[in-house]
Amino acid sequence: MRLTLVRHPQPDIAPGICYGRSDVPVAAPQLALTVATLHPILAPDATLYSSPLQRCRALALALGHAAPVFDMRLAEMNFGSWELQPWDAIPRADIDAWAADLADYRPGGAESVLEMAARVAAFYADVQRQQRNAIIICHAGTMRLLAACHRGLPLREAALLAASQPHAIPYGGTLILDL
């Protein structure tokens, strides 16, 4: 069984903005480029799962797979009051507090990485039970958590690993997990 994780195309939002759970659209030229790049490498018979946020939804629908499954557990982390704020406008003390407690701190008063890890791990367990190849269109944070779950780490360790990894997954990038 193979899981092909795909990061959404570049969203249509200014650089340097915290947009986590915000439902920002995808940039149309980036969507077309991502679809053209992915079509030759994605299994046409795989089940397609997607975050329901429109930057993922648009890609899921554009790929033309039958009946994509939109699952909120694949959404990016909710940054609460930080959403749609420039990162450099968020008080340094708040960023430092998050860095000091990566797993349990709730950026912007919303969701912690550990809470996000719990919902992503529940999705991962459900997909494993399906025993089918799957394409999963989601977000960089979700991809890092799915990869940590794939390693079989306890939830807190998975959350800490995902939160401490550098943000190196390009828009439209893929990650393959073989089970």
N, C-alpha and C. Protein backbone atom coordinates (compact mmCIF):
# COMPACT_ATOMS: atom_id res chain seq x y z
N MET A 1 0.85 -1.18 0.00
CA MET A 1 0.00 0.00 0.00
C MET A 1 0.89 1.24 0.00
N ARG A 2 0.52 2.19 -0.83
CA ARG A 2 1.31 3.41 -0.97
C ARG A 2 0.43 4.63 -0.72
N LEU A 3 0.95 5.54 0.10
CA LEU A 3 0.31 6.82 0.32
C LEU A 3 1.16 7.88 -0.37
N THR A 4 0.56 8.61 -1.28
CA THR A 4 1.25 9.71 -1.95
C THR A 4 0.71 11.01 -1.37
N LEU A 5 1.55 11.67 -0.59
CA LEU A 5 1.16 12.94 0.03
C LEU A 5 1.53 14.07 -0.93
N VAL A 6 0.61 15.00 -1.12
CA VAL A 6 0.81 16.11 -2.05
C VAL A 6 0.50 17.41 -1.32
N ARG A 7 1.44 18.33 -1.35
CA ARG A 7 1.17 19.65 -0.79
C ARG A 7 0.41 20.48 -1.83
N HIS A 8 -0.53 21.25 -1.37
CA HIS A 8 -1.32 22.10 -2.25
C HIS A 8 -0.44 23.06 -3.05
N PRO A 9 -0.97 23.59 -4.18
CA PRO A 9 -0.24 24.62 -4.92
C PRO A 9 -0.13 25.91 -4.10
N GLN A 10 0.71 26.79 -4.58
CA GLN A 10 0.91 28.06 -3.88
C GLN A 10 -0.40 28.83 -3.76
N PRO A 11 -0.75 29.25 -2.55
CA PRO A 11 -2.00 30.00 -2.39
C PRO A 11 -1.84 31.45 -2.88
N ASP A 12 -2.96 32.05 -3.16
CA ASP A 12 -2.99 33.42 -3.64
C ASP A 12 -3.08 34.35 -2.43
N ILE A 13 -1.93 34.54 -1.79
CA ILE A 13 -1.84 35.38 -0.59
C ILE A 13 -0.43 35.96 -0.54
N ALA A 14 -0.30 37.13 0.00
CA ALA A 14 1.01 37.78 0.09
C ALA A 14 1.98 36.94 0.90
N PRO A 15 3.26 36.97 0.55
CA PRO A 15 4.26 36.25 1.35
C PRO A 15 4.33 36.82 2.76
N GLY A 16 4.70 35.96 3.71
CA GLY A 16 4.91 36.40 5.07
C GLY A 16 3.65 36.50 5.91
N ILE A 17 2.55 35.96 5.41
CA ILE A 17 1.28 36.00 6.13
C ILE A 17 1.03 34.62 6.75
N CYS A 18 0.61 34.60 7.99
CA CYS A 18 0.21 33.36 8.65
C CYS A 18 -1.21 33.04 8.18
N TYR A 19 -1.37 31.93 7.45
CA TYR A 19 -2.70 31.62 6.93
C TYR A 19 -3.22 30.26 7.35
N GLY A 20 -2.47 29.44 8.02
CA GLY A 20 -2.90 28.15 8.56
C GLY A 20 -4.24 27.64 8.11
N ARG A 21 -5.25 27.72 8.97
CA ARG A 21 -6.59 27.19 8.69
C ARG A 21 -7.43 28.12 7.82
N SER A 22 -6.97 29.34 7.59
CA SER A 22 -7.75 30.26 6.76
C SER A 22 -7.96 29.66 5.38
N ASP A 23 -9.13 29.89 4.83
CA ASP A 23 -9.50 29.26 3.56
C ASP A 23 -9.14 30.17 2.40
N VAL A 24 -7.85 30.27 2.12
CA VAL A 24 -7.36 31.13 1.04
C VAL A 24 -7.36 30.36 -0.28
N PRO A 25 -7.63 31.06 -1.38
CA PRO A 25 -7.65 30.37 -2.68
C PRO A 25 -6.24 30.06 -3.17
N VAL A 26 -6.19 29.20 -4.16
CA VAL A 26 -4.94 28.86 -4.80
C VAL A 26 -4.73 29.81 -5.99
N ALA A 27 -3.49 30.13 -6.27
CA ALA A 27 -3.17 30.95 -7.44
C ALA A 27 -3.42 30.09 -8.70
N ALA A 28 -4.27 30.57 -9.61
CA ALA A 28 -4.68 29.79 -10.79
C ALA A 28 -3.51 29.26 -11.62
N PRO A 29 -2.49 30.07 -11.94
CA PRO A 29 -1.38 29.51 -12.73
C PRO A 29 -0.65 28.38 -11.99
N GLN A 30 -0.56 28.50 -10.67
CA GLN A 30 0.10 27.46 -9.89
C GLN A 30 -0.72 26.18 -9.88
N LEU A 31 -2.03 26.29 -9.87
CA LEU A 31 -2.90 25.11 -9.93
C LEU A 31 -2.66 24.36 -11.23
N ALA A 32 -2.66 25.06 -12.35
CA ALA A 32 -2.46 24.42 -13.65
C ALA A 32 -1.09 23.75 -13.72
N LEU A 33 -0.07 24.41 -13.23
CA LEU A 33 1.28 23.84 -13.24
C LEU A 33 1.36 22.59 -12.37
N THR A 34 0.75 22.63 -11.19
CA THR A 34 0.77 21.49 -10.28
C THR A 34 0.02 20.30 -10.88
N VAL A 35 -1.14 20.54 -11.48
CA VAL A 35 -1.89 19.46 -12.11
C VAL A 35 -1.06 18.82 -13.22
N ALA A 36 -0.44 19.63 -14.06
CA ALA A 36 0.38 19.10 -15.16
C ALA A 36 1.55 18.27 -14.64
N THR A 37 2.13 18.69 -13.55
CA THR A 37 3.26 17.96 -12.96
C THR A 37 2.81 16.65 -12.32
N LEU A 38 1.65 16.66 -11.67
CA LEU A 38 1.20 15.48 -10.92
C LEU A 38 0.54 14.40 -11.77
N HIS A 39 -0.15 14.78 -12.83
CA HIS A 39 -0.90 13.79 -13.62
C HIS A 39 -0.08 12.56 -14.00
N PRO A 40 1.15 12.71 -14.47
CA PRO A 40 1.90 11.50 -14.88
C PRO A 40 2.35 10.62 -13.72
N ILE A 41 2.37 11.14 -12.49
CA ILE A 41 2.94 10.35 -11.39
C ILE A 41 1.91 9.80 -10.41
N LEU A 42 0.66 10.22 -10.52
CA LEU A 42 -0.36 9.76 -9.57
C LEU A 42 -1.12 8.56 -10.11
N ALA A 43 -1.30 7.56 -9.27
CA ALA A 43 -2.04 6.36 -9.66
C ALA A 43 -3.51 6.71 -9.87
N PRO A 44 -4.05 6.42 -11.06
CA PRO A 44 -5.44 6.79 -11.33
C PRO A 44 -6.47 6.00 -10.52
N ASP A 45 -6.06 4.83 -10.00
CA ASP A 45 -7.00 3.98 -9.26
C ASP A 45 -6.90 4.18 -7.74
N ALA A 46 -6.05 5.09 -7.30
CA ALA A 46 -5.90 5.34 -5.86
C ALA A 46 -7.09 6.15 -5.34
N THR A 47 -7.42 5.94 -4.08
CA THR A 47 -8.44 6.77 -3.43
C THR A 47 -7.83 8.14 -3.19
N LEU A 48 -8.58 9.18 -3.49
CA LEU A 48 -8.09 10.54 -3.33
C LEU A 48 -8.74 11.18 -2.10
N TYR A 49 -7.90 11.58 -1.15
CA TYR A 49 -8.34 12.30 0.05
C TYR A 49 -7.80 13.71 -0.04
N SER A 50 -8.52 14.65 0.54
CA SER A 50 -8.07 16.03 0.50
C SER A 50 -8.57 16.80 1.71
N SER A 51 -7.75 17.74 2.13
CA SER A 51 -8.22 18.76 3.06
C SER A 51 -9.35 19.50 2.34
N PRO A 52 -10.37 19.91 3.07
CA PRO A 52 -11.46 20.65 2.42
C PRO A 52 -11.15 22.12 2.15
N LEU A 53 -10.03 22.62 2.65
CA LEU A 53 -9.68 24.01 2.40
C LEU A 53 -9.46 24.20 0.90
N GLN A 54 -9.92 25.32 0.36
CA GLN A 54 -10.00 25.47 -1.09
C GLN A 54 -8.66 25.37 -1.81
N ARG A 55 -7.54 25.65 -1.16
CA ARG A 55 -6.26 25.51 -1.85
C ARG A 55 -5.94 24.04 -2.11
N CYS A 56 -6.52 23.13 -1.32
CA CYS A 56 -6.39 21.69 -1.56
C CYS A 56 -7.56 21.18 -2.40
N ARG A 57 -8.76 21.64 -2.07
CA ARG A 57 -9.97 21.21 -2.78
C ARG A 57 -9.84 21.47 -4.28
N ALA A 58 -9.33 22.64 -4.64
CA ALA A 58 -9.19 22.99 -6.05
C ALA A 58 -8.30 21.99 -6.77
N LEU A 59 -7.21 21.60 -6.15
CA LEU A 59 -6.32 20.61 -6.75
C LEU A 59 -6.99 19.25 -6.84
N ALA A 60 -7.66 18.83 -5.78
CA ALA A 60 -8.34 17.53 -5.77
C ALA A 60 -9.35 17.44 -6.91
N LEU A 61 -10.11 18.49 -7.11
CA LEU A 61 -11.11 18.48 -8.17
C LEU A 61 -10.48 18.57 -9.56
N ALA A 62 -9.40 19.34 -9.68
CA ALA A 62 -8.74 19.50 -10.98
C ALA A 62 -8.04 18.23 -11.45
N LEU A 63 -7.68 17.35 -10.53
CA LEU A 63 -7.00 16.11 -10.92
C LEU A 63 -7.94 15.11 -11.59
N GLY A 64 -9.25 15.31 -11.43
CA GLY A 64 -10.21 14.49 -12.15
C GLY A 64 -10.45 13.10 -11.60
N HIS A 65 -9.99 12.79 -10.40
CA HIS A 65 -10.28 11.48 -9.80
C HIS A 65 -11.76 11.42 -9.41
N ALA A 66 -12.31 10.26 -9.48
CA ALA A 66 -13.72 10.08 -9.10
C ALA A 66 -13.88 10.23 -7.59
N ALA A 67 -14.87 10.98 -7.19
CA ALA A 67 -15.30 11.09 -5.80
C ALA A 67 -14.18 11.33 -4.79
N PRO A 68 -13.50 12.48 -4.86
CA PRO A 68 -12.51 12.76 -3.81
C PRO A 68 -13.20 12.83 -2.44
N VAL A 69 -12.48 12.41 -1.42
CA VAL A 69 -13.01 12.42 -0.05
C VAL A 69 -12.37 13.61 0.67
N PHE A 70 -13.21 14.56 1.09
CA PHE A 70 -12.72 15.74 1.78
C PHE A 70 -12.84 15.49 3.28
N ASP A 71 -11.71 15.60 3.97
CA ASP A 71 -11.66 15.25 5.39
C ASP A 71 -11.02 16.38 6.17
N MET A 72 -11.76 16.95 7.11
CA MET A 72 -11.28 18.09 7.90
C MET A 72 -10.07 17.74 8.75
N ARG A 73 -9.85 16.47 9.02
CA ARG A 73 -8.68 16.08 9.81
C ARG A 73 -7.38 16.39 9.07
N LEU A 74 -7.47 16.62 7.76
CA LEU A 74 -6.28 16.94 6.95
C LEU A 74 -5.99 18.44 6.88
N ALA A 75 -6.85 19.26 7.46
CA ALA A 75 -6.66 20.71 7.40
C ALA A 75 -5.39 21.12 8.14
N GLU A 76 -4.88 22.27 7.76
CA GLU A 76 -3.70 22.82 8.43
C GLU A 76 -4.08 23.26 9.84
N MET A 77 -3.09 23.51 10.66
CA MET A 77 -3.31 23.92 12.04
C MET A 77 -4.06 25.25 12.11
N ASN A 78 -4.90 25.37 13.11
CA ASN A 78 -5.64 26.60 13.34
C ASN A 78 -4.79 27.52 14.22
N PHE A 79 -4.40 28.65 13.67
CA PHE A 79 -3.57 29.60 14.39
C PHE A 79 -4.38 30.71 15.08
N GLY A 80 -5.69 30.55 15.16
CA GLY A 80 -6.54 31.49 15.91
C GLY A 80 -6.33 32.93 15.51
N SER A 81 -6.01 33.79 16.50
CA SER A 81 -5.88 35.22 16.24
C SER A 81 -4.65 35.56 15.39
N TRP A 82 -3.76 34.60 15.18
CA TRP A 82 -2.62 34.84 14.31
C TRP A 82 -3.00 34.75 12.83
N GLU A 83 -4.13 34.10 12.54
CA GLU A 83 -4.54 33.88 11.15
C GLU A 83 -4.64 35.21 10.40
N LEU A 84 -4.07 35.19 9.18
CA LEU A 84 -4.07 36.31 8.24
C LEU A 84 -3.33 37.54 8.75
N GLN A 85 -2.46 37.33 9.75
CA GLN A 85 -1.59 38.39 10.26
C GLN A 85 -0.19 38.19 9.68
N PRO A 86 0.53 39.28 9.41
CA PRO A 86 1.93 39.11 9.02
C PRO A 86 2.70 38.44 10.16
N TRP A 87 3.54 37.48 9.83
CA TRP A 87 4.32 36.80 10.87
C TRP A 87 5.12 37.80 11.69
N ASP A 88 5.65 38.82 11.04
CA ASP A 88 6.48 39.78 11.79
C ASP A 88 5.65 40.74 12.65
N ALA A 89 4.31 40.68 12.56
CA ALA A 89 3.45 41.48 13.43
C ALA A 89 3.02 40.72 14.69
N ILE A 90 3.28 39.43 14.71
CA ILE A 90 2.93 38.62 15.88
C ILE A 90 3.98 38.90 16.96
N PRO A 91 3.56 39.23 18.16
CA PRO A 91 4.53 39.58 19.21
C PRO A 91 5.60 38.49 19.40
N ARG A 92 6.83 38.94 19.47
CA ARG A 92 7.98 38.03 19.63
C ARG A 92 7.81 37.14 20.86
N ALA A 93 7.24 37.68 21.92
CA ALA A 93 7.04 36.89 23.15
C ALA A 93 6.11 35.70 22.87
N ASP A 94 5.12 35.88 22.00
CA ASP A 94 4.21 34.78 21.66
C ASP A 94 4.92 33.71 20.84
N ILE A 95 5.73 34.14 19.89
CA ILE A 95 6.51 33.20 19.08
C ILE A 95 7.47 32.43 19.98
N ASP A 96 8.12 33.13 20.91
CA ASP A 96 9.06 32.49 21.83
C ASP A 96 8.35 31.50 22.75
N ALA A 97 7.14 31.84 23.19
CA ALA A 97 6.37 30.93 24.05
C ALA A 97 6.04 29.64 23.29
N TRP A 98 5.72 29.77 22.02
CA TRP A 98 5.45 28.58 21.20
C TRP A 98 6.73 27.75 21.03
N ALA A 99 7.83 28.41 20.76
CA ALA A 99 9.10 27.70 20.58
C ALA A 99 9.51 26.96 21.86
N ALA A 100 9.13 27.49 23.00
CA ALA A 100 9.47 26.86 24.29
C ALA A 100 8.56 25.68 24.62
N ASP A 101 7.43 25.57 23.94
CA ASP A 101 6.47 24.50 24.23
C ASP A 101 5.80 24.07 22.92
N LEU A 102 6.59 23.48 22.01
CA LEU A 102 6.12 23.16 20.67
C LEU A 102 4.88 22.27 20.63
N ALA A 103 4.76 21.35 21.53
CA ALA A 103 3.65 20.40 21.47
C ALA A 103 2.35 20.98 22.01
N ASP A 104 2.40 21.69 23.13
CA ASP A 104 1.17 22.06 23.83
C ASP A 104 0.73 23.52 23.69
N TYR A 105 1.62 24.39 23.26
CA TYR A 105 1.25 25.81 23.12
C TYR A 105 0.21 25.96 22.02
N ARG A 106 -0.73 26.84 22.23
CA ARG A 106 -1.79 27.10 21.25
C ARG A 106 -1.55 28.46 20.59
N PRO A 107 -0.89 28.46 19.43
CA PRO A 107 -0.65 29.74 18.76
C PRO A 107 -1.96 30.47 18.48
N GLY A 108 -1.99 31.74 18.82
CA GLY A 108 -3.18 32.54 18.60
C GLY A 108 -4.36 32.08 19.43
N GLY A 109 -4.11 31.25 20.46
CA GLY A 109 -5.16 30.77 21.33
C GLY A 109 -6.00 29.66 20.73
N ALA A 110 -5.56 29.04 19.66
CA ALA A 110 -6.39 28.04 18.97
C ALA A 110 -5.89 26.62 19.22
N GLU A 111 -5.28 26.01 18.23
CA GLU A 111 -4.96 24.58 18.25
C GLU A 111 -3.47 24.35 18.52
N SER A 112 -3.16 23.40 19.36
CA SER A 112 -1.76 23.03 19.59
C SER A 112 -1.33 22.00 18.55
N VAL A 113 -0.02 21.86 18.40
CA VAL A 113 0.50 20.84 17.49
C VAL A 113 0.07 19.44 17.97
N LEU A 114 0.02 19.23 19.27
CA LEU A 114 -0.40 17.93 19.79
C LEU A 114 -1.86 17.64 19.43
N GLU A 115 -2.71 18.64 19.50
CA GLU A 115 -4.12 18.46 19.11
C GLU A 115 -4.22 18.16 17.61
N MET A 116 -3.46 18.88 16.81
CA MET A 116 -3.45 18.60 15.38
C MET A 116 -2.94 17.20 15.11
N ALA A 117 -1.88 16.81 15.83
CA ALA A 117 -1.31 15.46 15.65
C ALA A 117 -2.35 14.38 15.95
N ALA A 118 -3.18 14.60 16.94
CA ALA A 118 -4.21 13.61 17.29
C ALA A 118 -5.20 13.42 16.15
N ARG A 119 -5.64 14.51 15.53
CA ARG A 119 -6.60 14.34 14.43
C ARG A 119 -5.94 13.75 13.19
N VAL A 120 -4.69 14.12 12.91
CA VAL A 120 -3.98 13.56 11.76
C VAL A 120 -3.69 12.08 11.99
N ALA A 121 -3.32 11.71 13.21
CA ALA A 121 -3.07 10.29 13.53
C ALA A 121 -4.34 9.47 13.38
N ALA A 122 -5.48 10.03 13.75
CA ALA A 122 -6.76 9.32 13.58
C ALA A 122 -7.04 9.09 12.10
N PHE A 123 -6.78 10.09 11.27
CA PHE A 123 -6.94 9.93 9.83
C PHE A 123 -6.00 8.84 9.31
N TYR A 124 -4.74 8.90 9.72
CA TYR A 124 -3.74 7.92 9.27
C TYR A 124 -4.17 6.50 9.63
N ALA A 125 -4.67 6.30 10.83
CA ALA A 125 -5.13 4.97 11.26
C ALA A 125 -6.30 4.50 10.39
N ASP A 126 -7.22 5.40 10.07
CA ASP A 126 -8.35 5.03 9.22
C ASP A 126 -7.89 4.64 7.82
N VAL A 127 -6.95 5.40 7.26
CA VAL A 127 -6.44 5.09 5.91
C VAL A 127 -5.71 3.75 5.91
N GLN A 128 -4.95 3.47 6.95
CA GLN A 128 -4.26 2.17 7.03
C GLN A 128 -5.25 1.01 6.98
N ARG A 129 -6.37 1.16 7.64
CA ARG A 129 -7.39 0.10 7.65
C ARG A 129 -8.00 -0.13 6.27
N GLN A 130 -7.98 0.88 5.41
CA GLN A 130 -8.56 0.76 4.07
C GLN A 130 -7.76 -0.20 3.19
N GLN A 131 -6.46 -0.31 3.46
CA GLN A 131 -5.57 -1.19 2.69
C GLN A 131 -5.64 -0.92 1.19
N ARG A 132 -5.67 0.38 0.82
CA ARG A 132 -5.68 0.77 -0.59
C ARG A 132 -4.67 1.89 -0.80
N ASN A 133 -4.13 1.96 -2.00
CA ASN A 133 -3.28 3.10 -2.34
C ASN A 133 -4.10 4.37 -2.22
N ALA A 134 -3.46 5.43 -1.76
CA ALA A 134 -4.17 6.69 -1.58
C ALA A 134 -3.30 7.87 -1.97
N ILE A 135 -3.97 8.88 -2.47
CA ILE A 135 -3.38 10.19 -2.72
C ILE A 135 -3.99 11.11 -1.67
N ILE A 136 -3.14 11.85 -0.98
CA ILE A 136 -3.62 12.72 0.10
C ILE A 136 -3.13 14.13 -0.17
N ILE A 137 -4.06 15.01 -0.52
CA ILE A 137 -3.73 16.40 -0.80
C ILE A 137 -3.95 17.20 0.47
N CYS A 138 -2.87 17.81 0.94
CA CYS A 138 -2.97 18.49 2.23
C CYS A 138 -1.96 19.62 2.33
N HIS A 139 -1.45 19.85 3.49
CA HIS A 139 -0.62 21.00 3.83
C HIS A 139 0.73 20.50 4.37
N ALA A 140 1.72 21.37 4.38
CA ALA A 140 3.06 20.98 4.83
C ALA A 140 3.04 20.44 6.26
N GLY A 141 2.33 21.11 7.16
CA GLY A 141 2.26 20.63 8.54
C GLY A 141 1.61 19.26 8.63
N THR A 142 0.55 19.07 7.87
CA THR A 142 -0.14 17.78 7.85
C THR A 142 0.77 16.70 7.29
N MET A 143 1.51 17.03 6.24
CA MET A 143 2.44 16.06 5.64
C MET A 143 3.51 15.64 6.65
N ARG A 144 4.06 16.60 7.37
CA ARG A 144 5.09 16.27 8.36
C ARG A 144 4.52 15.38 9.45
N LEU A 145 3.29 15.64 9.86
CA LEU A 145 2.65 14.79 10.89
C LEU A 145 2.34 13.40 10.36
N LEU A 146 1.86 13.29 9.13
CA LEU A 146 1.61 11.97 8.55
C LEU A 146 2.91 11.17 8.45
N ALA A 147 4.00 11.82 8.07
CA ALA A 147 5.30 11.13 7.99
C ALA A 147 5.75 10.68 9.37
N ALA A 148 5.50 11.49 10.40
CA ALA A 148 5.87 11.11 11.77
C ALA A 148 5.01 9.94 12.24
N CYS A 149 3.72 9.94 11.90
CA CYS A 149 2.84 8.81 12.24
C CYS A 149 3.34 7.54 11.55
N HIS A 150 3.77 7.69 10.31
CA HIS A 150 4.26 6.55 9.53
C HIS A 150 5.48 5.90 10.21
N ARG A 151 6.24 6.68 10.91
CA ARG A 151 7.41 6.14 11.62
C ARG A 151 7.02 5.38 12.88
N GLY A 152 5.74 5.42 13.24
CA GLY A 152 5.26 4.68 14.40
C GLY A 152 5.57 5.33 15.73
N LEU A 153 5.82 6.62 15.72
CA LEU A 153 6.17 7.32 16.95
C LEU A 153 4.94 7.53 17.83
N PRO A 154 5.12 7.54 19.15
CA PRO A 154 4.02 7.94 20.03
C PRO A 154 3.57 9.36 19.65
N LEU A 155 2.34 9.69 19.96
CA LEU A 155 1.73 10.94 19.51
C LEU A 155 2.55 12.18 19.88
N ARG A 156 2.99 12.29 21.12
CA ARG A 156 3.76 13.48 21.53
C ARG A 156 5.08 13.56 20.76
N GLU A 157 5.75 12.44 20.58
CA GLU A 157 7.00 12.45 19.82
C GLU A 157 6.76 12.81 18.37
N ALA A 158 5.67 12.31 17.79
CA ALA A 158 5.32 12.65 16.41
C ALA A 158 5.07 14.15 16.29
N ALA A 159 4.34 14.71 17.25
CA ALA A 159 4.05 16.15 17.23
C ALA A 159 5.34 16.96 17.34
N LEU A 160 6.21 16.58 18.25
CA LEU A 160 7.47 17.31 18.43
C LEU A 160 8.37 17.20 17.21
N LEU A 161 8.44 16.02 16.62
CA LEU A 161 9.25 15.84 15.42
C LEU A 161 8.73 16.72 14.29
N ALA A 162 7.42 16.66 14.05
CA ALA A 162 6.83 17.44 12.97
C ALA A 162 7.01 18.94 13.20
N ALA A 163 6.85 19.38 14.43
CA ALA A 163 6.95 20.81 14.75
C ALA A 163 8.38 21.32 14.67
N SER A 164 9.34 20.45 14.87
CA SER A 164 10.73 20.90 14.88
C SER A 164 11.42 20.77 13.53
N GLN A 165 10.76 20.14 12.56
CA GLN A 165 11.36 20.00 11.24
C GLN A 165 11.30 21.32 10.48
N PRO A 166 12.33 21.58 9.68
CA PRO A 166 12.29 22.81 8.87
C PRO A 166 11.17 22.72 7.83
N HIS A 167 10.66 23.86 7.45
CA HIS A 167 9.55 23.95 6.50
C HIS A 167 10.13 23.83 5.08
N ALA A 168 10.37 22.60 4.62
CA ALA A 168 11.08 22.39 3.36
C ALA A 168 10.25 21.69 2.29
N ILE A 169 8.94 21.61 2.43
CA ILE A 169 8.11 20.93 1.44
C ILE A 169 7.60 21.98 0.46
N PRO A 170 7.99 21.88 -0.80
CA PRO A 170 7.55 22.91 -1.75
C PRO A 170 6.07 22.78 -2.09
N TYR A 171 5.49 23.88 -2.53
CA TYR A 171 4.11 23.84 -3.03
C TYR A 171 4.04 22.85 -4.18
N GLY A 172 3.04 21.97 -4.15
CA GLY A 172 2.90 20.94 -5.17
C GLY A 172 3.86 19.77 -4.99
N GLY A 173 4.68 19.80 -3.95
CA GLY A 173 5.64 18.74 -3.69
C GLY A 173 4.96 17.48 -3.18
N THR A 174 5.64 16.35 -3.36
CA THR A 174 5.10 15.07 -2.94
C THR A 174 6.03 14.37 -1.95
N LEU A 175 5.44 13.47 -1.20
CA LEU A 175 6.15 12.61 -0.28
C LEU A 175 5.47 11.25 -0.34
N ILE A 176 6.24 10.20 -0.56
CA ILE A 176 5.70 8.85 -0.69
C ILE A 176 5.91 8.09 0.62
N LEU A 177 4.84 7.48 1.13
CA LEU A 177 4.91 6.61 2.30
C LEU A 177 4.46 5.22 1.87
N ASP A 178 5.36 4.25 1.90
CA ASP A 178 5.01 2.88 1.58
C ASP A 178 4.72 2.12 2.86
N LEU A 179 3.57 1.47 2.92
CA LEU A 179 3.17 0.73 4.11
C LEU A 179 3.31 -0.76 3.84
